[in-house]
Amino acid sequence: MTVGLIRLLVKFPKEIFRIEFPKIVNKVVKNLRTKDNDERQFARKVLVEIVRITGPYFFHYILKELKYFLKEGWEMHILNFTVFTLI
C-alpha cells in the first residue's frame, strides 16, 4: 500500500509531494526499529521500492531519516544493513 501511495504522490504537484513524502518515509523507517525481523525486511523492501520510484533526488532524505531514527546500539547494525541494501 505504501508503494502505491508513493506512485500516486509522484503524479501530484511537487508541493503536495514534498508535504506528504516525509510522513510516509517516517512511518516506514520507524518500522525498522522493531525487533521483528520479518517486519524489518518488509520495511527494507518498501524503502528499496521508494528509492526506485523517486530516483536519486530523495535518497539523501531517506538516509537522513534512517540516521535520525536508528542511532542506538543494535539499531546501528540495522542502519548499516539497510543502507547497504538501498545502495
N, C-alpha and C. Protein backbone atom coordinates (compact mmCIF):
# COMPACT_ATOMS: atom_id res chain seq x y z
N MET A 1 0.82 -1.19 0.00
CA MET A 1 0.00 0.00 0.00
C MET A 1 0.87 1.26 0.00
N THR A 2 1.95 1.23 0.72
CA THR A 2 2.84 2.39 0.78
C THR A 2 3.44 2.70 -0.58
N VAL A 3 3.85 1.67 -1.28
CA VAL A 3 4.43 1.87 -2.61
C VAL A 3 3.40 2.47 -3.55
N GLY A 4 2.17 2.03 -3.44
CA GLY A 4 1.09 2.60 -4.26
C GLY A 4 0.86 4.07 -3.95
N LEU A 5 0.95 4.42 -2.67
CA LEU A 5 0.81 5.83 -2.30
C LEU A 5 1.93 6.69 -2.88
N ILE A 6 3.14 6.15 -2.85
CA ILE A 6 4.27 6.90 -3.41
C ILE A 6 4.10 7.08 -4.91
N ARG A 7 3.67 6.02 -5.60
CA ARG A 7 3.44 6.13 -7.04
C ARG A 7 2.38 7.18 -7.35
N LEU A 8 1.37 7.24 -6.52
CA LEU A 8 0.32 8.23 -6.70
C LEU A 8 0.83 9.64 -6.38
N LEU A 9 1.62 9.76 -5.31
CA LEU A 9 2.15 11.08 -4.93
C LEU A 9 3.07 11.67 -5.98
N VAL A 10 3.79 10.81 -6.70
CA VAL A 10 4.71 11.30 -7.73
C VAL A 10 3.94 12.06 -8.82
N LYS A 11 2.71 11.68 -9.03
CA LYS A 11 1.90 12.32 -10.07
C LYS A 11 1.25 13.63 -9.60
N PHE A 12 1.25 13.86 -8.30
CA PHE A 12 0.69 15.10 -7.76
C PHE A 12 1.67 16.25 -7.94
N PRO A 13 1.20 17.48 -7.73
CA PRO A 13 2.12 18.63 -7.78
C PRO A 13 3.23 18.49 -6.73
N LYS A 14 4.37 19.10 -7.00
CA LYS A 14 5.55 18.98 -6.14
C LYS A 14 5.29 19.45 -4.72
N GLU A 15 4.44 20.47 -4.54
CA GLU A 15 4.18 20.98 -3.19
C GLU A 15 3.52 19.91 -2.32
N ILE A 16 2.56 19.21 -2.90
CA ILE A 16 1.86 18.15 -2.16
C ILE A 16 2.82 16.99 -1.89
N PHE A 17 3.63 16.65 -2.89
CA PHE A 17 4.59 15.57 -2.72
C PHE A 17 5.56 15.87 -1.59
N ARG A 18 6.05 17.08 -1.54
CA ARG A 18 7.04 17.45 -0.51
C ARG A 18 6.43 17.49 0.88
N ILE A 19 5.13 17.66 0.98
CA ILE A 19 4.47 17.65 2.29
C ILE A 19 4.20 16.22 2.74
N GLU A 20 3.73 15.37 1.85
CA GLU A 20 3.30 14.02 2.21
C GLU A 20 4.42 12.97 2.20
N PHE A 21 5.42 13.17 1.36
CA PHE A 21 6.51 12.19 1.25
C PHE A 21 7.23 11.95 2.57
N PRO A 22 7.60 12.98 3.32
CA PRO A 22 8.29 12.73 4.60
C PRO A 22 7.44 11.93 5.59
N LYS A 23 6.15 12.14 5.59
CA LYS A 23 5.28 11.40 6.52
C LYS A 23 5.32 9.91 6.24
N ILE A 24 5.28 9.56 4.96
CA ILE A 24 5.29 8.15 4.58
C ILE A 24 6.65 7.52 4.88
N VAL A 25 7.72 8.23 4.56
CA VAL A 25 9.06 7.69 4.81
C VAL A 25 9.27 7.51 6.31
N ASN A 26 8.81 8.44 7.13
CA ASN A 26 8.96 8.32 8.58
C ASN A 26 8.28 7.06 9.11
N LYS A 27 7.10 6.77 8.62
CA LYS A 27 6.38 5.57 9.08
C LYS A 27 7.12 4.30 8.69
N VAL A 28 7.67 4.28 7.49
CA VAL A 28 8.40 3.08 7.05
C VAL A 28 9.68 2.92 7.85
N VAL A 29 10.40 4.00 8.07
CA VAL A 29 11.67 3.92 8.81
C VAL A 29 11.41 3.53 10.27
N LYS A 30 10.33 3.99 10.85
CA LYS A 30 10.02 3.61 12.23
C LYS A 30 9.76 2.11 12.35
N ASN A 31 9.31 1.48 11.28
CA ASN A 31 9.10 0.04 11.31
C ASN A 31 10.42 -0.72 11.38
N LEU A 32 11.52 -0.10 11.03
CA LEU A 32 12.82 -0.74 11.12
C LEU A 32 13.30 -0.86 12.57
N ARG A 33 12.69 -0.12 13.48
CA ARG A 33 13.10 -0.14 14.88
C ARG A 33 12.57 -1.34 15.64
N THR A 34 11.65 -2.07 15.07
CA THR A 34 11.09 -3.22 15.77
C THR A 34 12.09 -4.38 15.79
N LYS A 35 11.88 -5.28 16.72
CA LYS A 35 12.77 -6.43 16.81
C LYS A 35 12.29 -7.60 15.97
N ASP A 36 11.15 -7.45 15.32
CA ASP A 36 10.62 -8.50 14.44
C ASP A 36 11.35 -8.43 13.10
N ASN A 37 12.10 -9.48 12.80
CA ASN A 37 12.93 -9.50 11.60
C ASN A 37 12.10 -9.43 10.32
N ASP A 38 10.95 -10.10 10.29
CA ASP A 38 10.12 -10.09 9.09
C ASP A 38 9.59 -8.69 8.79
N GLU A 39 9.23 -7.97 9.83
CA GLU A 39 8.74 -6.60 9.64
C GLU A 39 9.84 -5.68 9.13
N ARG A 40 11.06 -5.88 9.66
CA ARG A 40 12.19 -5.08 9.18
C ARG A 40 12.50 -5.38 7.72
N GLN A 41 12.47 -6.65 7.34
CA GLN A 41 12.73 -7.00 5.94
C GLN A 41 11.69 -6.39 5.01
N PHE A 42 10.44 -6.42 5.44
CA PHE A 42 9.39 -5.83 4.63
C PHE A 42 9.59 -4.32 4.49
N ALA A 43 9.98 -3.66 5.59
CA ALA A 43 10.24 -2.22 5.54
C ALA A 43 11.40 -1.90 4.60
N ARG A 44 12.43 -2.75 4.60
CA ARG A 44 13.55 -2.54 3.68
C ARG A 44 13.11 -2.67 2.23
N LYS A 45 12.28 -3.66 1.94
CA LYS A 45 11.79 -3.83 0.58
C LYS A 45 10.97 -2.61 0.14
N VAL A 46 10.18 -2.08 1.05
CA VAL A 46 9.39 -0.89 0.74
C VAL A 46 10.31 0.29 0.48
N LEU A 47 11.36 0.46 1.29
CA LEU A 47 12.30 1.56 1.07
C LEU A 47 13.01 1.42 -0.27
N VAL A 48 13.38 0.21 -0.65
CA VAL A 48 14.02 0.00 -1.95
C VAL A 48 13.08 0.42 -3.07
N GLU A 49 11.82 0.06 -2.97
CA GLU A 49 10.84 0.45 -3.99
C GLU A 49 10.65 1.97 -4.01
N ILE A 50 10.65 2.59 -2.84
CA ILE A 50 10.52 4.05 -2.79
C ILE A 50 11.69 4.72 -3.49
N VAL A 51 12.89 4.21 -3.26
CA VAL A 51 14.08 4.77 -3.92
C VAL A 51 13.99 4.56 -5.43
N ARG A 52 13.52 3.41 -5.86
CA ARG A 52 13.38 3.16 -7.30
C ARG A 52 12.37 4.10 -7.94
N ILE A 53 11.29 4.37 -7.23
CA ILE A 53 10.24 5.23 -7.78
C ILE A 53 10.67 6.68 -7.81
N THR A 54 11.25 7.16 -6.71
CA THR A 54 11.59 8.59 -6.62
C THR A 54 12.94 8.91 -7.25
N GLY A 55 13.78 7.92 -7.42
CA GLY A 55 15.09 8.17 -8.00
C GLY A 55 16.06 8.73 -6.98
N PRO A 56 17.20 9.20 -7.44
CA PRO A 56 18.23 9.67 -6.51
C PRO A 56 17.93 11.01 -5.85
N TYR A 57 16.90 11.68 -6.29
CA TYR A 57 16.62 13.02 -5.78
C TYR A 57 16.23 13.02 -4.30
N PHE A 58 15.58 11.99 -3.83
CA PHE A 58 15.15 11.95 -2.45
C PHE A 58 15.90 10.91 -1.63
N PHE A 59 16.95 10.33 -2.19
CA PHE A 59 17.75 9.34 -1.49
C PHE A 59 18.41 9.95 -0.26
N HIS A 60 18.89 11.17 -0.38
CA HIS A 60 19.54 11.82 0.77
C HIS A 60 18.56 12.02 1.92
N TYR A 61 17.31 12.29 1.60
CA TYR A 61 16.32 12.47 2.66
C TYR A 61 16.07 11.16 3.39
N ILE A 62 15.99 10.06 2.65
CA ILE A 62 15.78 8.76 3.28
C ILE A 62 16.96 8.40 4.17
N LEU A 63 18.18 8.68 3.72
CA LEU A 63 19.36 8.43 4.54
C LEU A 63 19.35 9.27 5.81
N LYS A 64 18.94 10.51 5.69
CA LYS A 64 18.86 11.40 6.86
C LYS A 64 17.87 10.85 7.88
N GLU A 65 16.74 10.38 7.41
CA GLU A 65 15.73 9.82 8.31
C GLU A 65 16.22 8.53 8.96
N LEU A 66 16.92 7.71 8.19
CA LEU A 66 17.47 6.47 8.75
C LEU A 66 18.47 6.80 9.87
N LYS A 67 19.34 7.77 9.63
CA LYS A 67 20.32 8.15 10.65
C LYS A 67 19.65 8.73 11.89
N TYR A 68 18.57 9.46 11.69
CA TYR A 68 17.88 10.08 12.81
C TYR A 68 17.18 9.04 13.70
N PHE A 69 16.52 8.06 13.09
CA PHE A 69 15.73 7.11 13.86
C PHE A 69 16.52 5.90 14.35
N LEU A 70 17.59 5.55 13.66
CA LEU A 70 18.36 4.35 14.04
C LEU A 70 19.73 4.78 14.57
N LYS A 71 19.80 5.08 15.85
CA LYS A 71 21.06 5.57 16.38
C LYS A 71 21.47 4.94 17.71
N GLU A 72 20.73 3.96 18.20
CA GLU A 72 21.07 3.35 19.48
C GLU A 72 21.52 1.90 19.29
N GLY A 73 22.62 1.54 19.89
CA GLY A 73 23.12 0.17 19.98
C GLY A 73 22.82 -0.73 18.80
N TRP A 74 21.88 -1.67 19.00
CA TRP A 74 21.58 -2.67 17.99
C TRP A 74 20.97 -2.06 16.73
N GLU A 75 20.43 -0.85 16.83
CA GLU A 75 19.84 -0.18 15.67
C GLU A 75 20.91 0.23 14.66
N MET A 76 22.14 0.41 15.12
CA MET A 76 23.23 0.78 14.20
C MET A 76 23.48 -0.34 13.19
N HIS A 77 23.35 -1.58 13.62
CA HIS A 77 23.52 -2.71 12.70
C HIS A 77 22.40 -2.71 11.65
N ILE A 78 21.20 -2.39 12.09
CA ILE A 78 20.07 -2.31 11.17
C ILE A 78 20.29 -1.17 10.19
N LEU A 79 20.81 -0.05 10.67
CA LEU A 79 21.10 1.09 9.80
C LEU A 79 22.11 0.70 8.73
N ASN A 80 23.19 0.06 9.13
CA ASN A 80 24.23 -0.34 8.16
C ASN A 80 23.68 -1.31 7.12
N PHE A 81 22.94 -2.31 7.57
CA PHE A 81 22.40 -3.29 6.63
C PHE A 81 21.39 -2.66 5.70
N THR A 82 20.58 -1.75 6.21
CA THR A 82 19.56 -1.09 5.38
C THR A 82 20.20 -0.19 4.34
N VAL A 83 21.22 0.58 4.73
CA VAL A 83 21.91 1.44 3.77
C VAL A 83 22.59 0.60 2.70
N PHE A 84 23.21 -0.51 3.10
CA PHE A 84 23.83 -1.41 2.13
C PHE A 84 22.78 -1.96 1.15
N THR A 85 21.62 -2.29 1.67
CA THR A 85 20.55 -2.80 0.82
C THR A 85 20.07 -1.74 -0.17
N LEU A 86 19.96 -0.51 0.29
CA LEU A 86 19.49 0.56 -0.58
C LEU A 86 20.50 0.90 -1.69
N ILE A 87 21.76 0.78 -1.35
CA ILE A 87 22.80 1.10 -2.35
C ILE A 87 22.86 -0.03 -3.34
